[in-house]
Amino acid sequence: MLSSTPFKKLALCSMTTAILAASQSGFAHTRLETSTILEGTRVYNNIVIGHGCGEAPVMGTSVVFPDSTATVTSKPTGSGSSVAATPAGAVTDWLEGAGEGYAKKVYSKEVFSAEGQKTNALGNTVGFWTGGGALPAHNYVGLIPFKTDAIKIKPASCAKTVTFVVPVADVCKLAPISGFSDENVNIWSPMVGSDFDGTAEHTPATLKVVRNIEGNAATPTTAAVAANPLPADCGAGVDITITPTAEQLNRDMPAIENGVQVWPAE
């Protein structure tokens, strides 16, 4: 996605992509390399692209992290899928800080030659895109690096875990929203009524933050992390899920280069 080049032409960029050979079956869906992290720790991570669109290689990817307007739901800790989630207020009821801007792209041209951060009206990072390359459709995975800041769960809350739903679109061919198909894009996203919804099979990636109940001692290379025990009246606690809204997906999933939308095609 270069400022002078449409998204379509990016697939013709250098084929010098650094990718890891692996079985497609090992990474059938696009996921995070590390999907569970400890509260209060900074983590370097990767989006793992498992395959292309049929026989078409992946020419770019677009990622969204929930912002502070996200939908928040709660379940008793350890509940199964048969237990219905209930509304649970706002993101900032459970997390310290602004409730957004906690994930940032790590600059890299190992797989794709161009990239950009996505920011909202407050200047907080809410995702990123990459493009310009051709990750083979089969037998390889692509690692797209990013980092998360030290996310902190509010001490007074009963959250045992907080899980972020992370939508990802792997783009194989340029198409408008009306022309999306399995032949031109793999969308791993929640079904929230957006233009970028996934399906029962194309589910989103997730990032679970586990409450640091015991804390971490300092090491020669890391600072100590204070314990954050559950309040006594919380029992076993609750599992919180944070899902981006349809409005956010429609705003933040497109790839924008210097004010010009380069994916989806307009």
C-alpha atoms as a PDB file:
ATOM      1  CA  MET A   1       0.000   0.000   0.000  1.00  0.00           C
ATOM      2  CA  LEU A   2       2.191   2.783  -1.249  1.00  0.00           C
ATOM      3  CA  SER A   3       0.865   6.325  -1.508  1.00  0.00           C
ATOM      4  CA  SER A   4       1.230   6.384  -5.277  1.00  0.00           C
ATOM      5  CA  THR A   5       0.149   2.809  -5.939  1.00  0.00           C
ATOM      6  CA  PRO A   6      -3.338   1.250  -5.668  1.00  0.00           C
ATOM      7  CA  PHE A   7      -3.745  -1.837  -3.519  1.00  0.00           C
ATOM      8  CA  LYS A   8      -4.216  -3.974  -6.621  1.00  0.00           C
ATOM      9  CA  LYS A   9      -0.675  -3.287  -7.841  1.00  0.00           C
ATOM     10  CA  LEU A  10       0.877  -4.165  -4.522  1.00  0.00           C
ATOM     11  CA  ALA A  11       0.604  -7.851  -5.343  1.00  0.00           C
ATOM     12  CA  LEU A  12       3.257  -7.199  -8.010  1.00  0.00           C
ATOM     13  CA  CYS A  13       5.770  -5.959  -5.439  1.00  0.00           C
ATOM     14  CA  SER A  14       8.908  -7.897  -4.587  1.00  0.00           C
ATOM     15  CA  MET A  15       8.392 -11.592  -3.984  1.00  0.00           C
ATOM     16  CA  THR A  16      11.208 -11.460  -1.427  1.00  0.00           C
ATOM     17  CA  THR A  17       9.021 -12.383   1.503  1.00  0.00           C
ATOM     18  CA  ALA A  18      10.340 -13.884   4.708  1.00  0.00           C
ATOM     19  CA  ILE A  19       7.945 -16.603   5.804  1.00  0.00           C
ATOM     20  CA  LEU A  20       8.093 -19.738   7.854  1.00  0.00           C
ATOM     21  CA  ALA A  21       7.462 -23.099   6.261  1.00  0.00           C
ATOM     22  CA  ALA A  22       4.764 -25.009   8.053  1.00  0.00           C
ATOM     23  CA  SER A  23       1.824 -27.299   7.491  1.00  0.00           C
ATOM     24  CA  GLN A  24      -1.342 -25.475   6.479  1.00  0.00           C
ATOM     25  CA  SER A  25      -3.343 -27.724   8.762  1.00  0.00           C
ATOM     26  CA  GLY A  26      -1.400 -26.393  11.748  1.00  0.00           C
ATOM     27  CA  PHE A  27      -2.679 -22.867  11.147  1.00  0.00           C
ATOM     28  CA  ALA A  28      -6.018 -23.367   9.428  1.00  0.00           C
ATOM     29  CA  HIS A  29      -7.394 -20.033  10.673  1.00  0.00           C
ATOM     30  CA  THR A  30      -5.607 -16.714  11.066  1.00  0.00           C
ATOM     31  CA  ARG A  31      -4.827 -16.403  14.758  1.00  0.00           C
ATOM     32  CA  LEU A  32      -2.402 -14.774  17.202  1.00  0.00           C
ATOM     33  CA  GLU A  33       0.825 -16.675  17.833  1.00  0.00           C
ATOM     34  CA  THR A  34       0.408 -16.003  21.569  1.00  0.00           C
ATOM     35  CA  SER A  35      -3.290 -15.880  22.389  1.00  0.00           C
ATOM     36  CA  THR A  36      -3.033 -15.745  26.196  1.00  0.00           C
ATOM     37  CA  ILE A  37      -0.899 -13.195  28.057  1.00  0.00           C
ATOM     38  CA  LEU A  38      -0.423 -12.138  31.659  1.00  0.00           C
ATOM     39  CA  GLU A  39      -1.782  -8.834  32.905  1.00  0.00           C
ATOM     40  CA  GLY A  40       0.811  -6.097  33.391  1.00  0.00           C
ATOM     41  CA  THR A  41       3.361  -7.480  30.919  1.00  0.00           C
ATOM     42  CA  ARG A  42       4.430  -6.127  27.523  1.00  0.00           C
ATOM     43  CA  VAL A  43       4.326  -8.828  24.880  1.00  0.00           C
ATOM     44  CA  TYR A  44       5.755  -9.040  21.362  1.00  0.00           C
ATOM     45  CA  ASN A  45       3.408 -11.150  19.265  1.00  0.00           C
ATOM     46  CA  ASN A  46       2.435 -12.076  15.700  1.00  0.00           C
ATOM     47  CA  ILE A  47      -0.651 -12.377  13.569  1.00  0.00           C
ATOM     48  CA  VAL A  48      -0.282 -15.849  12.022  1.00  0.00           C
ATOM     49  CA  ILE A  49      -1.703 -16.091   8.490  1.00  0.00           C
ATOM     50  CA  GLY A  50      -2.358 -19.747   7.777  1.00  0.00           C
ATOM     51  CA  HIS A  51      -3.405 -19.871   4.136  1.00  0.00           C
ATOM     52  CA  GLY A  52      -4.599 -17.923   1.127  1.00  0.00           C
ATOM     53  CA  CYS A  53      -7.984 -17.733  -0.598  1.00  0.00           C
ATOM     54  CA  GLY A  54      -8.278 -21.048  -2.401  1.00  0.00           C
ATOM     55  CA  GLU A  55      -5.280 -20.978  -4.730  1.00  0.00           C
ATOM     56  CA  ALA A  56      -4.790 -17.202  -4.473  1.00  0.00           C
ATOM     57  CA  PRO A  57      -1.859 -15.905  -2.382  1.00  0.00           C
ATOM     58  CA  VAL A  58      -2.355 -13.296   0.358  1.00  0.00           C
ATOM     59  CA  MET A  59      -1.382  -9.797  -0.768  1.00  0.00           C
ATOM     60  CA  GLY A  60      -2.095  -7.983   2.497  1.00  0.00           C
ATOM     61  CA  THR A  61      -3.896  -8.084   5.811  1.00  0.00           C
ATOM     62  CA  SER A  62      -6.021  -5.720   7.871  1.00  0.00           C
ATOM     63  CA  VAL A  63      -6.383  -5.960  11.669  1.00  0.00           C
ATOM     64  CA  VAL A  64      -8.676  -4.202  14.174  1.00  0.00           C
ATOM     65  CA  PHE A  65      -8.401  -4.106  17.961  1.00  0.00           C
ATOM     66  CA  PRO A  66     -11.504  -3.151  19.977  1.00  0.00           C
ATOM     67  CA  ASP A  67     -11.686   0.466  21.089  1.00  0.00           C
ATOM     68  CA  SER A  68     -13.365   1.973  24.146  1.00  0.00           C
ATOM     69  CA  THR A  69     -16.800   1.822  22.458  1.00  0.00           C
ATOM     70  CA  ALA A  70     -16.684  -1.987  22.259  1.00  0.00           C
ATOM     71  CA  THR A  71     -19.417  -4.307  23.463  1.00  0.00           C
ATOM     72  CA  VAL A  72     -18.540  -5.882  26.833  1.00  0.00           C
ATOM     73  CA  THR A  73     -20.045  -9.141  28.107  1.00  0.00           C
ATOM     74  CA  SER A  74     -19.485 -11.289  31.175  1.00  0.00           C
ATOM     75  CA  LYS A  75     -19.723 -14.945  32.224  1.00  0.00           C
ATOM     76  CA  PRO A  76     -18.860 -16.672  35.488  1.00  0.00           C
ATOM     77  CA  THR A  77     -15.249 -17.830  35.300  1.00  0.00           C
ATOM     78  CA  GLY A  78     -14.896 -21.145  33.507  1.00  0.00           C
ATOM     79  CA  SER A  79     -18.432 -21.168  32.088  1.00  0.00           C
ATOM     80  CA  GLY A  80     -19.015 -23.264  29.010  1.00  0.00           C
ATOM     81  CA  SER A  81     -20.639 -22.267  25.735  1.00  0.00           C
ATOM     82  CA  SER A  82     -24.059 -23.242  27.075  1.00  0.00           C
ATOM     83  CA  VAL A  83     -23.967 -20.341  29.548  1.00  0.00           C
ATOM     84  CA  ALA A  84     -25.278 -17.101  28.033  1.00  0.00           C
ATOM     85  CA  ALA A  85     -23.094 -14.011  28.321  1.00  0.00           C
ATOM     86  CA  THR A  86     -24.619 -10.916  29.911  1.00  0.00           C
ATOM     87  CA  PRO A  87     -23.950  -7.215  29.200  1.00  0.00           C
ATOM     88  CA  ALA A  88     -21.173  -5.881  31.407  1.00  0.00           C
ATOM     89  CA  GLY A  89     -20.927  -2.134  31.043  1.00  0.00           C
ATOM     90  CA  ALA A  90     -18.021  -0.308  29.429  1.00  0.00           C
ATOM     91  CA  VAL A  91     -14.428  -1.307  28.651  1.00  0.00           C
ATOM     92  CA  THR A  92     -13.155   1.171  31.227  1.00  0.00           C
ATOM     93  CA  ASP A  93     -15.212  -0.542  33.947  1.00  0.00           C
ATOM     94  CA  TRP A  94     -12.732  -3.420  33.722  1.00  0.00           C
ATOM     95  CA  LEU A  95      -9.461  -1.992  32.418  1.00  0.00           C
ATOM     96  CA  GLU A  96      -7.229   0.819  33.624  1.00  0.00           C
ATOM     97  CA  GLY A  97      -6.606   3.725  31.263  1.00  0.00           C
ATOM     98  CA  ALA A  98      -8.446   4.690  28.101  1.00  0.00           C
ATOM     99  CA  GLY A  99      -9.498   1.144  27.209  1.00  0.00           C
ATOM    100  CA  GLU A 100      -7.889   1.416  23.762  1.00  0.00           C
ATOM    101  CA  GLY A 101      -4.541   2.067  22.101  1.00  0.00           C
ATOM    102  CA  TYR A 102      -2.903  -0.958  23.744  1.00  0.00           C
ATOM    103  CA  ALA A 103      -1.632  -2.695  20.562  1.00  0.00           C
ATOM    104  CA  LYS A 104       0.804  -1.344  17.960  1.00  0.00           C
ATOM    105  CA  LYS A 105       2.389  -2.691  14.796  1.00  0.00           C
ATOM    106  CA  VAL A 106       6.062  -3.635  14.947  1.00  0.00           C
ATOM    107  CA  TYR A 107       7.731  -2.281  11.809  1.00  0.00           C
ATOM    108  CA  SER A 108       8.670  -5.120   9.485  1.00  0.00           C
ATOM    109  CA  LYS A 109       8.992  -5.831   5.759  1.00  0.00           C
ATOM    110  CA  GLU A 110       9.607  -9.533   6.203  1.00  0.00           C
ATOM    111  CA  VAL A 111       6.329 -10.605   4.565  1.00  0.00           C
ATOM    112  CA  PHE A 112       4.770  -7.455   3.073  1.00  0.00           C
ATOM    113  CA  SER A 113       6.545  -4.355   1.794  1.00  0.00           C
ATOM    114  CA  ALA A 114       4.175  -1.687   3.134  1.00  0.00           C
ATOM    115  CA  GLU A 115       2.227  -1.117   6.321  1.00  0.00           C
ATOM    116  CA  GLY A 116       0.453   1.477   8.412  1.00  0.00           C
ATOM    117  CA  GLN A 117      -1.072   2.034  11.837  1.00  0.00           C
ATOM    118  CA  LYS A 118      -4.778   2.810  12.206  1.00  0.00           C
ATOM    119  CA  THR A 119      -5.745   5.533  14.670  1.00  0.00           C
ATOM    120  CA  ASN A 120      -9.069   6.948  15.827  1.00  0.00           C
ATOM    121  CA  ALA A 121     -10.144  10.548  16.370  1.00  0.00           C
ATOM    122  CA  LEU A 122      -8.313  10.599  19.725  1.00  0.00           C
ATOM    123  CA  GLY A 123      -5.060   9.485  18.111  1.00  0.00           C
ATOM    124  CA  ASN A 124      -5.146   6.056  19.765  1.00  0.00           C
ATOM    125  CA  THR A 125      -4.007   3.062  17.740  1.00  0.00           C
ATOM    126  CA  VAL A 126      -6.916   0.740  16.912  1.00  0.00           C
ATOM    127  CA  GLY A 127      -5.326  -1.576  14.341  1.00  0.00           C
ATOM    128  CA  PHE A 128      -2.958  -1.806  11.408  1.00  0.00           C
ATOM    129  CA  TRP A 129      -2.692  -2.962   7.798  1.00  0.00           C
ATOM    130  CA  THR A 130       0.050  -4.524   5.702  1.00  0.00           C
ATOM    131  CA  GLY A 131       0.312  -5.032   1.942  1.00  0.00           C
ATOM    132  CA  GLY A 132       2.591  -5.500  -1.034  1.00  0.00           C
ATOM    133  CA  GLY A 133       3.632  -9.101  -1.461  1.00  0.00           C
ATOM    134  CA  ALA A 134       2.367 -12.571  -2.232  1.00  0.00           C
ATOM    135  CA  LEU A 135       2.306 -15.013   0.670  1.00  0.00           C
ATOM    136  CA  PRO A 136       1.796 -18.445  -0.958  1.00  0.00           C
ATOM    137  CA  ALA A 137      -1.679 -19.883  -0.571  1.00  0.00           C
ATOM    138  CA  HIS A 138      -0.454 -23.220   0.818  1.00  0.00           C
ATOM    139  CA  ASN A 139       2.296 -24.811   2.893  1.00  0.00           C
ATOM    140  CA  TYR A 140       3.564 -21.582   4.467  1.00  0.00           C
ATOM    141  CA  VAL A 141       2.515 -19.248   7.259  1.00  0.00           C
ATOM    142  CA  GLY A 142       3.160 -15.531   7.475  1.00  0.00           C
ATOM    143  CA  LEU A 143       4.048 -13.817  10.757  1.00  0.00           C
ATOM    144  CA  ILE A 144       2.944 -10.180  11.089  1.00  0.00           C
ATOM    145  CA  PRO A 145       4.550  -8.682  14.225  1.00  0.00           C
ATOM    146  CA  PHE A 146       2.922  -6.348  16.752  1.00  0.00           C
ATOM    147  CA  LYS A 147       3.196  -5.634  20.456  1.00  0.00           C
ATOM    148  CA  THR A 148       0.767  -5.106  23.287  1.00  0.00           C
ATOM    149  CA  ASP A 149       1.397  -2.746  26.170  1.00  0.00           C
ATOM    150  CA  ALA A 150       1.089  -3.763  29.815  1.00  0.00           C
ATOM    151  CA  ILE A 151      -2.708  -4.094  30.007  1.00  0.00           C
ATOM    152  CA  LYS A 152      -3.988  -3.691  33.568  1.00  0.00           C
ATOM    153  CA  ILE A 153      -7.239  -5.036  35.010  1.00  0.00           C
ATOM    154  CA  LYS A 154      -8.941  -2.740  37.517  1.00  0.00           C
ATOM    155  CA  PRO A 155      -8.176  -3.996  41.045  1.00  0.00           C
ATOM    156  CA  ALA A 156     -11.736  -3.412  42.293  1.00  0.00           C
ATOM    157  CA  SER A 157     -13.281  -5.412  39.451  1.00  0.00           C
ATOM    158  CA  CYS A 158     -14.110  -9.123  39.557  1.00  0.00           C
ATOM    159  CA  ALA A 159     -12.477  -9.857  36.192  1.00  0.00           C
ATOM    160  CA  LYS A 160     -10.419 -13.053  36.259  1.00  0.00           C
ATOM    161  CA  THR A 161      -9.725 -12.771  32.529  1.00  0.00           C
ATOM    162  CA  VAL A 162     -10.366 -10.193  29.828  1.00  0.00           C
ATOM    163  CA  THR A 163     -10.555 -11.455  26.237  1.00  0.00           C
ATOM    164  CA  PHE A 164     -10.271  -9.097  23.274  1.00  0.00           C
ATOM    165  CA  VAL A 165     -11.930 -10.196  20.028  1.00  0.00           C
ATOM    166  CA  VAL A 166      -9.501  -9.305  17.205  1.00  0.00           C
ATOM    167  CA  PRO A 167     -10.928  -9.258  13.652  1.00  0.00           C
ATOM    168  CA  VAL A 168      -8.495  -9.888  10.782  1.00  0.00           C
ATOM    169  CA  ALA A 169      -9.014  -9.753   7.006  1.00  0.00           C
ATOM    170  CA  ASP A 170      -6.490 -11.551   4.779  1.00  0.00           C
ATOM    171  CA  VAL A 171      -6.772  -9.950   1.347  1.00  0.00           C
ATOM    172  CA  CYS A 172      -5.953 -12.006  -1.740  1.00  0.00           C
ATOM    173  CA  LYS A 173      -7.505  -9.956  -4.543  1.00  0.00           C
ATOM    174  CA  LEU A 174      -8.839  -6.419  -4.707  1.00  0.00           C
ATOM    175  CA  ALA A 175     -12.659  -6.302  -4.548  1.00  0.00           C
ATOM    176  CA  PRO A 176     -15.413  -3.985  -3.323  1.00  0.00           C
ATOM    177  CA  ILE A 177     -17.442  -4.982  -0.270  1.00  0.00           C
ATOM    178  CA  SER A 178     -20.284  -6.094  -2.542  1.00  0.00           C
ATOM    179  CA  GLY A 179     -17.901  -8.472  -4.300  1.00  0.00           C
ATOM    180  CA  PHE A 180     -16.354 -10.161  -1.269  1.00  0.00           C
ATOM    181  CA  SER A 181     -15.993 -13.940  -1.630  1.00  0.00           C
ATOM    182  CA  ASP A 182     -13.795 -16.768  -0.368  1.00  0.00           C
ATOM    183  CA  GLU A 183     -11.770 -16.328  -3.566  1.00  0.00           C
ATOM    184  CA  ASN A 184     -10.602 -12.810  -2.757  1.00  0.00           C
ATOM    185  CA  VAL A 185     -10.602 -12.365   1.036  1.00  0.00           C
ATOM    186  CA  ASN A 186     -10.637 -14.428   4.214  1.00  0.00           C
ATOM    187  CA  ILE A 187     -12.423 -12.458   6.930  1.00  0.00           C
ATOM    188  CA  TRP A 188     -11.928 -13.746  10.483  1.00  0.00           C
ATOM    189  CA  SER A 189     -14.375 -11.572  12.356  1.00  0.00           C
ATOM    190  CA  PRO A 190     -17.315 -11.629  14.800  1.00  0.00           C
ATOM    191  CA  MET A 191     -20.845 -11.547  13.436  1.00  0.00           C
ATOM    192  CA  VAL A 192     -21.992  -8.125  14.642  1.00  0.00           C
ATOM    193  CA  GLY A 193     -23.873  -6.802  11.598  1.00  0.00           C
ATOM    194  CA  SER A 194     -20.926  -5.041   9.934  1.00  0.00           C
ATOM    195  CA  ASP A 195     -19.717  -5.029   6.333  1.00  0.00           C
ATOM    196  CA  PHE A 196     -16.831  -7.214   7.500  1.00  0.00           C
ATOM    197  CA  ASP A 197     -18.590  -9.984   9.425  1.00  0.00           C
ATOM    198  CA  GLY A 198     -17.144 -13.473   9.534  1.00  0.00           C
ATOM    199  CA  THR A 199     -19.160 -16.681   9.563  1.00  0.00           C
ATOM    200  CA  ALA A 200     -19.614 -19.667  11.861  1.00  0.00           C
ATOM    201  CA  GLU A 201     -16.469 -21.094  10.222  1.00  0.00           C
ATOM    202  CA  HIS A 202     -14.536 -17.826   9.838  1.00  0.00           C
ATOM    203  CA  THR A 203     -14.288 -16.880  13.501  1.00  0.00           C
ATOM    204  CA  PRO A 204     -12.088 -14.058  14.853  1.00  0.00           C
ATOM    205  CA  ALA A 205      -8.754 -14.247  16.592  1.00  0.00           C
ATOM    206  CA  THR A 206      -8.725 -13.546  20.326  1.00  0.00           C
ATOM    207  CA  LEU A 207      -6.277 -12.230  22.906  1.00  0.00           C
ATOM    208  CA  LYS A 208      -6.938 -13.284  26.517  1.00  0.00           C
ATOM    209  CA  VAL A 209      -5.414 -11.245  29.346  1.00  0.00           C
ATOM    210  CA  VAL A 210      -5.182 -13.231  32.603  1.00  0.00           C
ATOM    211  CA  ARG A 211      -5.338 -11.376  35.916  1.00  0.00           C
ATOM    212  CA  ASN A 212      -1.941 -11.390  37.622  1.00  0.00           C
ATOM    213  CA  ILE A 213      -3.167 -12.605  40.981  1.00  0.00           C
ATOM    214  CA  GLU A 214       0.251 -13.467  42.437  1.00  0.00           C
ATOM    215  CA  GLY A 215       2.457 -10.820  40.799  1.00  0.00           C
ATOM    216  CA  ASN A 216       5.966 -11.222  39.376  1.00  0.00           C
ATOM    217  CA  ALA A 217       9.317 -10.663  41.064  1.00  0.00           C
ATOM    218  CA  ALA A 218      11.873  -8.443  39.375  1.00  0.00           C
ATOM    219  CA  THR A 219      14.523 -10.068  37.181  1.00  0.00           C
ATOM    220  CA  PRO A 220      17.769  -8.652  35.752  1.00  0.00           C
ATOM    221  CA  THR A 221      15.829  -7.590  32.650  1.00  0.00           C
ATOM    222  CA  THR A 222      12.276  -6.945  33.882  1.00  0.00           C
ATOM    223  CA  ALA A 223      10.659  -4.853  36.591  1.00  0.00           C
ATOM    224  CA  ALA A 224       8.541  -6.347  39.345  1.00  0.00           C
ATOM    225  CA  VAL A 225       4.800  -6.566  38.699  1.00  0.00           C
ATOM    226  CA  ALA A 226       2.569  -6.092  41.736  1.00  0.00           C
ATOM    227  CA  ALA A 227      -0.023  -8.726  42.562  1.00  0.00           C
ATOM    228  CA  ASN A 228      -3.619  -7.932  41.635  1.00  0.00           C
ATOM    229  CA  PRO A 229      -5.728 -10.379  43.690  1.00  0.00           C
ATOM    230  CA  LEU A 230      -9.465 -10.732  43.231  1.00  0.00           C
ATOM    231  CA  PRO A 231     -11.527  -8.853  45.834  1.00  0.00           C
ATOM    232  CA  ALA A 232     -12.837 -11.165  48.528  1.00  0.00           C
ATOM    233  CA  ASP A 233     -16.467 -10.759  47.489  1.00  0.00           C
ATOM    234  CA  CYS A 234     -15.800 -11.832  43.857  1.00  0.00           C
ATOM    235  CA  GLY A 235     -15.733 -15.569  44.471  1.00  0.00           C
ATOM    236  CA  ALA A 236     -14.099 -17.248  41.470  1.00  0.00           C
ATOM    237  CA  GLY A 237     -14.492 -14.068  39.423  1.00  0.00           C
ATOM    238  CA  VAL A 238     -15.841 -13.473  35.930  1.00  0.00           C
ATOM    239  CA  ASP A 239     -14.546 -13.807  32.371  1.00  0.00           C
ATOM    240  CA  ILE A 240     -14.951 -10.616  30.358  1.00  0.00           C
ATOM    241  CA  THR A 241     -15.132 -10.471  26.551  1.00  0.00           C
ATOM    242  CA  ILE A 242     -14.586  -7.233  24.605  1.00  0.00           C
ATOM    243  CA  THR A 243     -15.925  -7.249  21.021  1.00  0.00           C
ATOM    244  CA  PRO A 244     -15.657  -4.396  18.504  1.00  0.00           C
ATOM    245  CA  THR A 245     -18.944  -2.920  17.339  1.00  0.00           C
ATOM    246  CA  ALA A 246     -20.227  -2.965  13.761  1.00  0.00           C
ATOM    247  CA  GLU A 247     -19.649   0.791  13.646  1.00  0.00           C
ATOM    248  CA  GLN A 248     -15.995   0.396  14.581  1.00  0.00           C
ATOM    249  CA  LEU A 249     -15.418  -2.415  12.081  1.00  0.00           C
ATOM    250  CA  ASN A 250     -16.970  -0.389   9.263  1.00  0.00           C
ATOM    251  CA  ARG A 251     -14.725   2.535  10.172  1.00  0.00           C
ATOM    252  CA  ASP A 252     -11.455   0.787  11.013  1.00  0.00           C
ATOM    253  CA  MET A 253     -11.254  -2.375   8.900  1.00  0.00           C
ATOM    254  CA  PRO A 254     -10.599  -0.554   5.577  1.00  0.00           C
ATOM    255  CA  ALA A 255      -6.967   0.118   4.697  1.00  0.00           C
ATOM    256  CA  ILE A 256      -6.275   3.832   4.285  1.00  0.00           C
ATOM    257  CA  GLU A 257      -3.049   5.187   2.757  1.00  0.00           C
ATOM    258  CA  ASN A 258      -2.512   8.953   2.967  1.00  0.00           C
ATOM    259  CA  GLY A 259      -6.239   9.585   3.174  1.00  0.00           C
ATOM    260  CA  VAL A 260      -7.106   7.263   0.260  1.00  0.00           C
ATOM    261  CA  GLN A 261      -8.937   3.976   0.799  1.00  0.00           C
ATOM    262  CA  VAL A 262      -6.974   1.255  -0.980  1.00  0.00           C
ATOM    263  CA  TRP A 263      -8.968  -1.711   0.331  1.00  0.00           C
ATOM    264  CA  PRO A 264     -11.799  -2.566  -0.109  1.00  0.00           C
ATOM    265  CA  ALA A 265     -12.041  -1.240  -3.656  1.00  0.00           C
ATOM    266  CA  GLU A 266     -14.475   1.651  -3.972  1.00  0.00           C
END
